[in-house]
């Protein structure tokens, strides 16, 4: 496939992804982590996550954008997008998406450690992809079993959903930019919206610094 065919496949795959319950119905994917301090008994962690069926179908669809061997791998599409002759706003959006994706895989809002191993979101996604969805890696399957025995699975699950939710945002922003690649006014408006939303993102500070954007918290 040439680059234009790859981009068309990517946009079509994003349209298909948007039809899943995980993406269409926000109520079905409510994800919350609350820490309640109670006495006696100390703090109590309450975690709400979607059902395994809902998140499972979403992760299966997400593999097209996450797995490096797929033609629609996000970083492959970003590489193609960066070579397109387009307005500056398009280039900035693609750069922000790239850094949002990379930082999401490296930095967790929670920070998880089990048996002295620190888990990044990428570690967690790889464990679930290779240990549960595809059963392709015996070590990952054993690692997932250890997580389940630890009593911390819901916290790992929360981090998994948080990270993949941000990846979904990366995918949809990139899709929208590619569909408007020569519409300068639309791209300018989109860039402003993306920058505004970064302020609210848990990793916003890191993403903005990586993308070379002004950091509002520094003022």
Protein backbone atom coordinates (compact mmCIF):
# COMPACT_ATOMS: atom_id res chain seq x y z
CA UNK A 1 0.00 0.00 0.00
CA UNK A 2 1.14 3.53 -0.70
CA UNK A 3 0.92 6.27 1.96
CA UNK A 4 -2.46 7.55 0.82
CA UNK A 5 -3.93 4.05 0.99
CA UNK A 6 -2.50 3.60 4.49
CA UNK A 7 -4.06 6.89 5.62
CA UNK A 8 -7.41 5.89 4.12
CA UNK A 9 -7.24 2.55 5.94
CA UNK A 10 -6.38 4.35 9.18
CA UNK A 11 -9.35 6.74 8.87
CA UNK A 12 -11.71 3.85 8.02
CA UNK A 13 -10.41 1.87 11.02
CA UNK A 14 -10.98 4.86 13.31
CA UNK A 15 -14.58 5.11 12.05
CA UNK A 16 -15.06 1.41 12.92
CA UNK A 17 -13.48 1.92 16.37
CA UNK A 18 -15.89 4.76 17.13
CA UNK A 19 -18.82 2.38 16.77
CA UNK A 20 -17.81 0.27 19.77
CA UNK A 21 -19.71 0.63 23.03
CA UNK A 22 -16.52 1.75 24.78
CA UNK A 23 -16.36 4.77 22.46
CA UNK A 24 -20.06 5.48 21.83
CA UNK A 25 -21.56 5.34 25.32
CA UNK A 26 -19.58 7.23 28.01
CA UNK A 27 -21.83 5.82 30.76
CA UNK A 28 -20.80 2.28 29.90
CA UNK A 29 -17.12 3.07 30.40
CA UNK A 30 -17.27 5.07 33.61
CA UNK A 31 -13.85 4.80 35.23
CA UNK A 32 -13.16 6.26 38.65
CA UNK A 33 -10.66 5.84 41.43
CA UNK A 34 -11.64 7.27 44.81
CA UNK A 35 -9.67 7.01 48.04
CA UNK A 36 -11.93 7.40 51.05
CA UNK A 37 -10.46 7.94 54.49
CA UNK A 38 -12.61 6.15 57.05
CA UNK A 39 -12.17 5.64 60.75
CA UNK A 40 -11.73 2.99 61.97
CA UNK A 41 -10.15 1.01 59.18
CA UNK A 42 -8.07 3.70 57.48
CA UNK A 43 -8.25 4.59 53.79
CA UNK A 44 -10.43 2.57 51.44
CA UNK A 45 -9.87 2.52 47.68
CA UNK A 46 -13.01 2.39 45.53
CA UNK A 47 -12.44 1.69 41.83
CA UNK A 48 -15.08 1.63 39.10
CA UNK A 49 -14.11 0.10 35.75
CA UNK A 50 -16.07 -1.10 32.70
CA UNK A 51 -16.99 -4.75 32.28
CA UNK A 52 -14.36 -7.05 30.82
CA UNK A 53 -16.55 -7.65 27.75
CA UNK A 54 -16.70 -3.93 26.99
CA UNK A 55 -13.00 -3.27 27.49
CA UNK A 56 -12.03 -6.55 25.80
CA UNK A 57 -13.74 -5.69 22.52
CA UNK A 58 -12.20 -2.22 22.65
CA UNK A 59 -8.66 -3.55 23.20
CA UNK A 60 -9.08 -6.02 20.34
CA UNK A 61 -9.97 -3.13 18.03
CA UNK A 62 -7.21 -0.93 19.44
CA UNK A 63 -4.53 -3.45 18.47
CA UNK A 64 -4.67 -2.10 14.89
CA UNK A 65 -3.31 1.19 16.17
CA UNK A 66 -0.99 -0.09 18.91
CA UNK A 67 0.80 -3.09 17.40
CA UNK A 68 3.89 -2.16 15.37
CA UNK A 69 3.27 -4.83 12.75
CA UNK A 70 -0.08 -3.26 11.79
CA UNK A 71 -0.15 -0.84 8.82
CA UNK A 72 -2.28 1.53 10.95
CA UNK A 73 0.16 1.66 13.89
CA UNK A 74 -0.15 5.17 15.33
CA UNK A 75 3.54 6.06 15.06
CA UNK A 76 3.63 4.87 11.44
CA UNK A 77 0.68 7.14 10.61
CA UNK A 78 2.32 10.02 12.48
CA UNK A 79 5.50 9.51 10.45
CA UNK A 80 3.51 9.71 7.21
CA UNK A 81 1.55 12.74 8.45
CA UNK A 82 4.75 14.63 9.29
CA UNK A 83 5.84 14.38 5.65
CA UNK A 84 2.60 15.84 4.27
CA UNK A 85 2.72 19.36 2.84
CA UNK A 86 0.24 21.06 5.15
CA UNK A 87 -0.36 24.23 7.23
CA UNK A 88 1.74 24.79 10.35
CA UNK A 89 -1.26 24.07 12.59
CA UNK A 90 -1.43 20.54 11.16
CA UNK A 91 2.26 19.97 11.91
CA UNK A 92 1.79 21.18 15.49
CA UNK A 93 -1.23 18.94 16.05
CA UNK A 94 0.67 15.90 14.79
CA UNK A 95 3.65 16.75 17.03
CA UNK A 96 1.37 17.08 20.06
CA UNK A 97 -0.32 13.76 19.27
CA UNK A 98 3.07 12.07 18.91
CA UNK A 99 4.26 13.30 22.29
CA UNK A 100 0.92 12.59 23.97
CA UNK A 101 1.14 8.99 22.73
CA UNK A 102 4.76 8.49 23.79
CA UNK A 103 4.32 10.11 27.21
CA UNK A 104 1.15 8.11 27.87
CA UNK A 105 3.11 4.88 27.44
CA UNK A 106 5.92 6.06 29.75
CA UNK A 107 4.21 7.95 32.59
CA UNK A 108 1.37 6.76 34.82
CA UNK A 109 -0.82 9.13 36.87
CA UNK A 110 -0.70 6.48 39.63
CA UNK A 111 2.67 4.72 39.52
CA UNK A 112 2.43 0.97 40.11
CA UNK A 113 5.00 -1.38 41.58
CA UNK A 114 4.67 -5.12 42.21
CA UNK A 115 7.47 -7.34 43.54
CA UNK A 116 9.94 -4.47 43.08
CA UNK A 117 9.02 -4.06 39.40
CA UNK A 118 7.73 -0.67 38.34
CA UNK A 119 4.96 -0.86 35.77
CA UNK A 120 4.63 1.80 33.11
CA UNK A 121 1.38 1.98 31.12
CA UNK A 122 3.24 0.32 28.23
CA UNK A 123 4.18 -2.61 30.50
CA UNK A 124 0.56 -2.97 31.57
CA UNK A 125 -0.84 -2.78 28.03
CA UNK A 126 1.69 -5.37 26.85
CA UNK A 127 0.76 -7.72 29.72
CA UNK A 128 -2.94 -7.57 28.87
CA UNK A 129 -2.45 -7.72 25.11
CA UNK A 130 -0.01 -10.64 25.12
CA UNK A 131 -1.15 -12.37 28.30
CA UNK A 132 -4.93 -12.17 27.99
CA UNK A 133 -6.16 -11.13 24.56
CA UNK A 134 -3.81 -13.17 22.39
CA UNK A 135 -2.28 -15.65 24.88
CA UNK A 136 0.89 -15.29 22.79
CA UNK A 137 3.47 -14.97 25.56
CA UNK A 138 3.74 -17.43 28.43
CA UNK A 139 5.77 -14.98 30.52
CA UNK A 140 3.08 -12.30 30.13
CA UNK A 141 0.39 -14.85 31.02
CA UNK A 142 2.30 -15.73 34.21
CA UNK A 143 2.77 -12.03 34.97
CA UNK A 144 -0.95 -11.38 34.57
CA UNK A 145 -1.73 -14.29 36.88
CA UNK A 146 0.61 -12.75 39.50
CA UNK A 147 -1.17 -9.40 39.17
CA UNK A 148 -4.51 -11.11 39.75
CA UNK A 149 -3.22 -12.94 42.82
CA UNK A 150 -1.85 -9.70 44.26
CA UNK A 151 -5.29 -8.19 44.84
CA UNK A 152 -4.22 -5.11 42.84
CA UNK A 153 -5.78 -6.06 39.52
CA UNK A 154 -8.42 -3.33 39.59
CA UNK A 155 -5.73 -0.69 40.03
CA UNK A 156 -3.78 -2.16 37.10
CA UNK A 157 -7.03 -2.29 35.15
CA UNK A 158 -7.69 1.37 35.97
CA UNK A 159 -4.25 2.33 34.64
CA UNK A 160 -4.84 0.21 31.53
CA UNK A 161 -8.11 1.96 30.76
CA UNK A 162 -6.70 5.41 31.51
CA UNK A 163 -3.75 4.86 29.16
CA UNK A 164 -5.76 3.30 26.34
CA UNK A 165 -8.36 6.05 26.70
CA UNK A 166 -5.64 8.62 26.01
CA UNK A 167 -4.44 6.53 23.07
CA UNK A 168 -8.00 6.66 21.75
CA UNK A 169 -7.85 10.47 22.03
CA UNK A 170 -4.58 10.48 20.07
CA UNK A 171 -6.16 8.36 17.36
CA UNK A 172 -9.28 10.50 17.01
CA UNK A 173 -7.35 13.81 17.00
CA UNK A 174 -4.99 12.48 14.33
CA UNK A 175 -7.94 11.21 12.29
CA UNK A 176 -9.69 14.59 12.46
CA UNK A 177 -6.51 16.44 11.46
CA UNK A 178 -5.89 14.14 8.49
CA UNK A 179 -9.46 14.64 7.28
CA UNK A 180 -8.98 18.44 7.45
CA UNK A 181 -5.38 18.56 6.28
CA UNK A 182 -5.91 21.47 3.85
CA UNK A 183 -8.57 23.36 5.83
CA UNK A 184 -6.47 25.97 7.61
CA UNK A 185 -9.26 27.59 9.66
CA UNK A 186 -10.46 24.20 10.88
CA UNK A 187 -6.92 23.20 11.82
CA UNK A 188 -6.32 26.47 13.70
CA UNK A 189 -9.50 25.89 15.73
CA UNK A 190 -8.54 22.25 16.33
CA UNK A 191 -5.04 23.22 17.51
CA UNK A 192 -6.46 25.69 20.02
CA UNK A 193 -8.85 23.05 21.35
CA UNK A 194 -6.08 20.46 21.66
CA UNK A 195 -3.83 22.90 23.55
CA UNK A 196 -6.69 23.90 25.87
CA UNK A 197 -7.48 20.27 26.65
CA UNK A 198 -3.84 19.53 27.48
CA UNK A 199 -4.13 21.79 30.52
CA UNK A 200 -6.71 19.38 31.97
CA UNK A 201 -4.80 16.21 31.04
CA UNK A 202 -2.97 14.34 33.86
CA UNK A 203 0.17 14.31 31.71
CA UNK A 204 -0.40 17.74 30.22
CA UNK A 205 2.75 19.25 31.71
CA UNK A 206 4.98 16.53 30.26
CA UNK A 207 3.27 16.53 26.87
CA UNK A 208 3.53 20.30 26.50
CA UNK A 209 7.21 20.34 27.40
CA UNK A 210 7.94 17.49 24.97
CA UNK A 211 6.04 19.26 22.19
CA UNK A 212 7.81 22.54 22.88
CA UNK A 213 4.63 24.33 23.98
CA UNK A 214 4.39 26.95 26.74
CA UNK A 215 3.61 25.31 30.08
CA UNK A 216 0.72 27.20 31.78
CA UNK A 217 1.73 25.91 35.22
CA UNK A 218 5.03 27.76 34.88
CA UNK A 219 3.26 31.13 35.00
